[in-house]
Amino acid sequence: MKKFEGLIAAPFAPMNGAGEVMPEAIAGYCEFLEKNRVVGAFINGSTGEGVSLSQKEKMVITEAWTAAAKEKKIKVINLVGGTSWRESAESALHSAEAGVDAIAILAPYYFKPAGAKQLAEFCARIAEAVPRLPVYFYHIPVLTGCYVNMIDFLQEASAMIPNLAGIKYTHEDFMDFLSCIHFMDGKYDMMWGRDENILSALVLGCRSGVGSTFNYAAPLYYSMIDAFDTGDLATARRLQQQSIDMIRLLGKYGGIATGKAYMKYIGFDFGNFRLPVKNMSADMYEKFKDDVQALQMEPLFSKR
């Protein structure tokens, strides 16, 4: 599998008013992302509420995404990892049968690995179930509590996991990230996972990112990448600040669920996040819309 270049969205799980998943909404969602030059969908992750969904629901979402992306240019990466490597391996097998392009594995977040070797061994058990499928590791220590340096992980995993493709790196350790980029002459696909500082990752040589805000603001980030590539750093920095201003509203209105409010703002009503995530009230949504309009970023939002 070739390395990704471009934006990979972390899609939201479409839910109806009763809090049930709506797989029928995914075909239109996929088409929308492709129209906005998104090259991949990282499904069932943090934004996709994977840890809040049942195994069956995740399978339904996986099948819907692979079916929707089949005739499109979007590649599907399915997060199968969790606390049980056996259950994760079962999800990996189902993913392969459904036709995903790659899987991703999350560090176990209850019984945490003691070090890089134990983490690599855990991932290897899952990866060997699908030896022909590219495997990514999803590094997000702020949520998993697993703070193993990824350069140490790669040193262990490179010998254990032949189908390891790379890492989705959602952390702020640029020293570790750059070391991973250079490991084994750049063998592994290093995808940046912090939208609010992706410009800094571009400086280090990163060419792809996975993020929730790419769902609704892909034009902003592609404009930033184009500015960086042409040496217009003043424009690139200004666009990164606009990204930060947009992302600050997530914190102002309660966190990750605000992403679905952004989707509603551009025309996709995907319902609420499941408990225990806090969702905004109807009154708060009206105030949120005023704040979004005050950003004066309409040309940089994805349009339905």
Protein backbone atom coordinates (compact mmCIF):
# COMPACT_ATOMS: atom_id res chain seq x y z
CA MET A 1 0.00 0.00 0.00
CA LYS A 2 1.35 3.39 -0.99
CA LYS A 3 1.74 6.08 1.61
CA PHE A 4 -1.16 8.47 1.93
CA GLU A 5 -0.82 12.02 0.69
CA GLY A 6 -3.57 14.45 1.56
CA LEU A 7 -6.37 14.68 4.08
CA ILE A 8 -7.98 11.64 5.70
CA ALA A 9 -11.23 12.44 7.48
CA ALA A 10 -12.23 10.81 10.75
CA PRO A 11 -15.98 10.48 10.03
CA PHE A 12 -18.71 10.89 12.60
CA ALA A 13 -21.11 8.04 13.30
CA PRO A 14 -24.48 9.13 11.87
CA MET A 15 -27.19 8.65 14.50
CA ASN A 16 -30.94 9.17 14.36
CA GLY A 17 -33.07 10.81 17.04
CA ALA A 18 -33.26 7.54 18.98
CA GLY A 19 -29.48 7.25 19.11
CA GLU A 20 -29.29 4.39 16.61
CA VAL A 21 -26.69 4.30 13.84
CA MET A 22 -27.84 5.31 10.34
CA PRO A 23 -25.72 3.39 7.82
CA GLU A 24 -27.96 4.66 5.03
CA ALA A 25 -26.46 8.14 5.52
CA ILE A 26 -22.91 6.99 4.75
CA ALA A 27 -23.10 6.82 0.93
CA GLY A 28 -23.94 10.53 0.69
CA TYR A 29 -21.36 11.32 3.37
CA CYS A 30 -18.65 9.51 1.40
CA GLU A 31 -19.59 11.31 -1.79
CA PHE A 32 -19.39 14.64 0.03
CA LEU A 33 -15.89 13.90 1.33
CA GLU A 34 -14.66 12.87 -2.10
CA LYS A 35 -16.04 16.10 -3.57
CA ASN A 36 -13.86 17.99 -1.09
CA ARG A 37 -10.69 16.07 -2.11
CA VAL A 38 -10.55 13.94 1.04
CA VAL A 39 -8.48 10.85 0.20
CA GLY A 40 -9.40 8.53 3.06
CA ALA A 41 -11.84 7.74 5.86
CA PHE A 42 -10.53 6.60 9.25
CA ILE A 43 -13.69 4.97 10.60
CA ASN A 44 -14.79 3.83 14.07
CA GLY A 45 -12.17 6.01 15.75
CA SER A 46 -12.55 8.70 18.41
CA THR A 47 -14.67 10.97 16.22
CA GLY A 48 -16.62 7.94 15.02
CA GLU A 49 -17.46 6.94 18.60
CA GLY A 50 -15.96 3.50 18.08
CA VAL A 51 -15.50 2.89 21.80
CA SER A 52 -19.18 3.74 22.37
CA LEU A 53 -20.54 1.40 19.70
CA SER A 54 -21.32 -2.28 19.94
CA GLN A 55 -19.29 -4.78 17.93
CA LYS A 56 -22.28 -5.32 15.63
CA GLU A 57 -22.78 -1.58 15.09
CA LYS A 58 -19.13 -1.15 14.14
CA MET A 59 -19.45 -3.98 11.65
CA VAL A 60 -22.52 -2.35 10.09
CA ILE A 61 -20.66 0.96 9.77
CA THR A 62 -17.63 -0.80 8.28
CA GLU A 63 -19.74 -2.53 5.65
CA ALA A 64 -21.52 0.72 4.78
CA TRP A 65 -18.25 2.63 4.34
CA THR A 66 -16.55 -0.02 2.23
CA ALA A 67 -19.64 -0.28 0.01
CA ALA A 68 -19.82 3.52 -0.37
CA ALA A 69 -16.10 3.92 -1.11
CA LYS A 70 -15.88 1.01 -3.53
CA GLU A 71 -16.33 3.12 -6.66
CA LYS A 72 -14.59 6.19 -5.30
CA LYS A 73 -11.04 7.34 -4.68
CA ILE A 74 -11.46 7.23 -0.90
CA LYS A 75 -9.53 4.55 1.02
CA VAL A 76 -11.06 3.12 4.19
CA ILE A 77 -9.05 2.48 7.37
CA ASN A 78 -11.01 0.76 10.12
CA LEU A 79 -10.02 1.05 13.77
CA VAL A 80 -10.35 -2.44 15.24
CA GLY A 81 -8.22 -2.09 18.35
CA GLY A 82 -9.39 -2.12 21.93
CA THR A 83 -8.65 -3.89 25.19
CA SER A 84 -8.96 -7.47 23.89
CA TRP A 85 -6.63 -8.62 21.15
CA ARG A 86 -8.92 -11.57 20.36
CA GLU A 87 -11.93 -9.33 19.80
CA SER A 88 -9.75 -6.94 17.80
CA ALA A 89 -8.56 -9.84 15.63
CA GLU A 90 -12.17 -10.81 14.99
CA SER A 91 -12.89 -7.24 13.91
CA ALA A 92 -9.81 -7.31 11.69
CA LEU A 93 -11.03 -10.46 9.95
CA HIS A 94 -14.45 -8.93 9.39
CA SER A 95 -12.79 -5.77 8.06
CA ALA A 96 -10.82 -7.81 5.53
CA GLU A 97 -13.97 -9.61 4.43
CA ALA A 98 -15.81 -6.29 4.07
CA GLY A 99 -13.04 -4.94 1.85
CA VAL A 100 -11.31 -2.23 3.87
CA ASP A 101 -7.99 -0.92 2.61
CA ALA A 102 -6.28 -1.06 6.01
CA ILE A 103 -6.96 -1.52 9.71
CA ALA A 104 -5.73 0.42 12.71
CA ILE A 105 -4.99 -0.78 16.22
CA LEU A 106 -5.40 1.18 19.44
CA ALA A 107 -3.27 0.64 22.53
CA PRO A 108 -5.18 -1.27 25.25
CA TYR A 109 -6.38 1.39 27.67
CA TYR A 110 -7.36 -0.62 30.77
CA PHE A 111 -4.52 -3.08 31.32
CA LYS A 112 -1.81 -0.94 29.76
CA PRO A 113 1.38 -2.36 28.21
CA ALA A 114 4.49 -2.05 30.36
CA GLY A 115 6.61 -0.89 27.44
CA ALA A 116 7.21 -0.87 23.70
CA LYS A 117 7.81 -4.62 23.46
CA GLN A 118 4.53 -5.54 25.14
CA LEU A 119 2.65 -3.03 22.97
CA ALA A 120 4.22 -4.47 19.81
CA GLU A 121 3.36 -8.01 20.91
CA PHE A 122 -0.27 -7.02 21.49
CA CYS A 123 -0.48 -5.45 18.02
CA ALA A 124 1.27 -8.40 16.40
CA ARG A 125 -1.42 -10.80 17.66
CA ILE A 126 -4.04 -8.74 15.83
CA ALA A 127 -2.01 -8.05 12.70
CA GLU A 128 -1.19 -11.72 12.09
CA ALA A 129 -4.92 -12.43 11.69
CA VAL A 130 -4.89 -10.37 8.47
CA PRO A 131 -1.37 -10.80 7.04
CA ARG A 132 -2.22 -9.28 3.65
CA LEU A 133 -3.85 -6.17 5.05
CA PRO A 134 -1.86 -3.00 5.88
CA VAL A 135 -1.92 -2.24 9.61
CA TYR A 136 -1.59 1.17 11.27
CA PHE A 137 -1.09 1.94 14.94
CA TYR A 138 -3.25 4.73 16.37
CA HIS A 139 -1.17 6.69 18.88
CA ILE A 140 -3.40 8.87 21.08
CA PRO A 141 -1.95 8.68 24.58
CA VAL A 142 -4.15 11.46 25.98
CA LEU A 143 -7.07 9.02 25.72
CA THR A 144 -5.41 5.60 26.02
CA GLY A 145 -2.93 6.52 28.76
CA CYS A 146 -0.25 4.60 26.85
CA TYR A 147 2.71 6.96 26.57
CA VAL A 148 5.17 4.59 24.90
CA ASN A 149 7.45 6.51 22.53
CA MET A 150 6.60 5.56 18.97
CA ILE A 151 10.23 5.32 17.88
CA ASP A 152 10.65 2.61 20.54
CA PHE A 153 7.48 0.93 19.29
CA LEU A 154 8.73 0.92 15.70
CA GLN A 155 12.04 -0.57 16.74
CA GLU A 156 10.19 -3.50 18.31
CA ALA A 157 7.28 -3.78 15.88
CA SER A 158 9.33 -3.63 12.67
CA ALA A 159 10.58 -7.16 13.33
CA MET A 160 7.28 -8.52 14.68
CA ILE A 161 4.69 -7.08 12.27
CA PRO A 162 5.52 -7.57 8.57
CA ASN A 163 2.33 -5.80 7.47
CA LEU A 164 2.81 -2.72 9.66
CA ALA A 165 2.20 0.27 7.38
CA GLY A 166 2.59 3.23 9.71
CA ILE A 167 1.18 5.29 12.57
CA LYS A 168 -1.65 7.75 13.04
CA TYR A 169 0.18 10.10 15.39
CA THR A 170 -2.16 12.10 17.64
CA HIS A 171 0.29 13.54 20.13
CA GLU A 172 2.50 16.65 20.39
CA ASP A 173 5.96 15.07 20.61
CA PHE A 174 7.54 16.39 17.42
CA MET A 175 10.93 14.95 18.34
CA ASP A 176 9.48 11.44 18.50
CA PHE A 177 7.43 12.03 15.35
CA LEU A 178 10.44 13.12 13.29
CA SER A 179 12.46 10.14 14.50
CA CYS A 180 9.63 7.89 13.29
CA ILE A 181 9.63 9.61 9.89
CA HIS A 182 13.35 8.88 9.51
CA PHE A 183 13.22 5.33 10.90
CA MET A 184 14.46 2.72 8.40
CA ASP A 185 14.94 5.39 5.73
CA GLY A 186 11.35 6.54 5.90
CA LYS A 187 9.74 3.13 5.55
CA TYR A 188 6.61 3.87 7.57
CA ASP A 189 3.64 6.07 6.72
CA MET A 190 3.45 8.74 9.42
CA MET A 191 0.06 10.46 9.45
CA TRP A 192 -0.39 13.51 11.67
CA GLY A 193 -3.45 13.54 13.93
CA ARG A 194 -3.58 17.05 15.43
CA ASP A 195 -5.42 19.39 13.05
CA GLU A 196 -4.54 22.48 15.10
CA ASN A 197 -0.79 22.12 14.44
CA ILE A 198 -0.57 20.24 11.16
CA LEU A 199 1.55 23.05 9.70
CA SER A 200 4.34 22.12 12.11
CA ALA A 201 4.10 18.50 10.91
CA LEU A 202 4.39 19.64 7.28
CA VAL A 203 7.68 21.33 8.18
CA LEU A 204 9.00 17.97 9.38
CA GLY A 205 8.09 16.28 6.09
CA CYS A 206 4.64 14.89 6.86
CA ARG A 207 2.36 14.69 3.81
CA SER A 208 -0.89 13.38 5.29
CA GLY A 209 -3.15 13.97 8.25
CA VAL A 210 -6.14 12.32 9.89
CA GLY A 211 -8.59 14.66 11.53
CA SER A 212 -12.16 15.39 12.49
CA THR A 213 -12.18 18.96 11.18
CA PHE A 214 -11.33 17.70 7.70
CA ASN A 215 -14.96 16.57 7.56
CA TYR A 216 -16.19 20.16 7.30
CA ALA A 217 -13.15 22.34 6.60
CA ALA A 218 -11.03 20.43 4.08
CA PRO A 219 -10.66 23.50 1.79
CA LEU A 220 -8.98 25.41 4.63
CA TYR A 221 -6.32 22.74 5.10
CA TYR A 222 -5.69 22.21 1.40
CA SER A 223 -5.21 25.97 1.05
CA MET A 224 -2.72 25.78 3.93
CA ILE A 225 -0.84 22.89 2.31
CA ASP A 226 -0.73 24.71 -1.04
CA ALA A 227 0.60 27.85 0.66
CA PHE A 228 3.27 25.84 2.46
CA ASP A 229 4.30 24.03 -0.73
CA THR A 230 4.75 27.32 -2.59
CA GLY A 231 6.74 28.89 0.23
CA ASP A 232 4.01 31.34 1.26
CA LEU A 233 4.50 30.78 4.97
CA ALA A 234 2.67 33.94 6.00
CA THR A 235 -0.52 32.62 4.39
CA ALA A 236 0.05 29.13 5.76
CA ARG A 237 0.42 30.50 9.30
CA ARG A 238 -2.69 32.67 8.92
CA LEU A 239 -4.71 29.65 7.79
CA GLN A 240 -3.41 27.56 10.66
CA GLN A 241 -4.58 30.29 13.04
CA GLN A 242 -8.02 30.17 11.43
CA SER A 243 -8.02 26.42 12.04
CA ILE A 244 -7.16 27.07 15.69
CA ASP A 245 -9.93 29.66 16.02
CA MET A 246 -12.38 27.14 14.59
CA ILE A 247 -11.17 24.37 16.88
CA ARG A 248 -11.40 26.60 19.97
CA LEU A 249 -15.18 26.52 19.56
CA LEU A 250 -15.08 22.79 20.28
CA GLY A 251 -13.79 23.54 23.76
CA LYS A 252 -16.17 26.44 24.25
CA TYR A 253 -19.23 24.29 23.51
CA GLY A 254 -18.30 21.11 25.34
CA GLY A 255 -15.74 19.18 23.33
CA ILE A 256 -15.87 16.49 20.68
CA ALA A 257 -19.67 16.58 20.19
CA THR A 258 -19.31 20.10 18.78
CA GLY A 259 -17.97 18.44 15.65
CA LYS A 260 -21.45 17.13 14.89
CA ALA A 261 -22.74 20.68 15.36
CA TYR A 262 -20.31 21.83 12.66
CA MET A 263 -21.65 19.05 10.40
CA LYS A 264 -25.21 20.21 11.09
CA TYR A 265 -24.13 23.74 10.23
CA ILE A 266 -23.03 22.61 6.75
CA GLY A 267 -26.12 20.48 6.18
CA PHE A 268 -25.59 17.06 7.78
CA ASP A 269 -27.66 16.26 10.87
CA PHE A 270 -25.95 13.21 12.38
CA GLY A 271 -27.65 13.39 15.75
CA ASN A 272 -25.92 13.40 19.12
CA PHE A 273 -22.90 11.70 20.60
CA ARG A 274 -23.64 8.87 22.99
CA LEU A 275 -23.25 9.18 26.72
CA PRO A 276 -21.13 10.04 28.58
CA VAL A 277 -20.23 12.71 26.00
CA LYS A 278 -21.99 16.04 26.61
CA ASN A 279 -24.11 17.42 23.75
CA MET A 280 -25.17 21.03 23.31
CA SER A 281 -28.76 22.19 23.75
CA ALA A 282 -30.85 23.79 20.99
CA ASP A 283 -30.28 27.21 22.56
CA MET A 284 -26.53 26.65 22.67
CA TYR A 285 -26.57 25.59 19.03
CA GLU A 286 -28.02 28.96 18.06
CA LYS A 287 -25.19 30.72 19.92
CA PHE A 288 -22.72 28.33 18.30
CA LYS A 289 -23.98 29.29 14.83
CA ASP A 290 -23.40 32.97 15.65
CA ASP A 291 -19.84 32.19 16.72
CA VAL A 292 -19.17 30.20 13.57
CA GLN A 293 -20.42 33.04 11.39
CA ALA A 294 -18.21 35.46 13.34
CA LEU A 295 -15.17 33.45 12.21
CA GLN A 296 -15.83 34.70 8.65
CA MET A 297 -14.58 31.43 7.21
CA GLU A 298 -17.45 30.50 4.90
CA PRO A 299 -15.24 30.09 1.78
CA LEU A 300 -13.03 27.66 3.72
CA PHE A 301 -15.79 25.33 4.88
CA SER A 302 -16.73 22.26 2.87
CA LYS A 303 -20.06 22.75 1.11
CA ARG A 304 -22.76 20.14 0.84
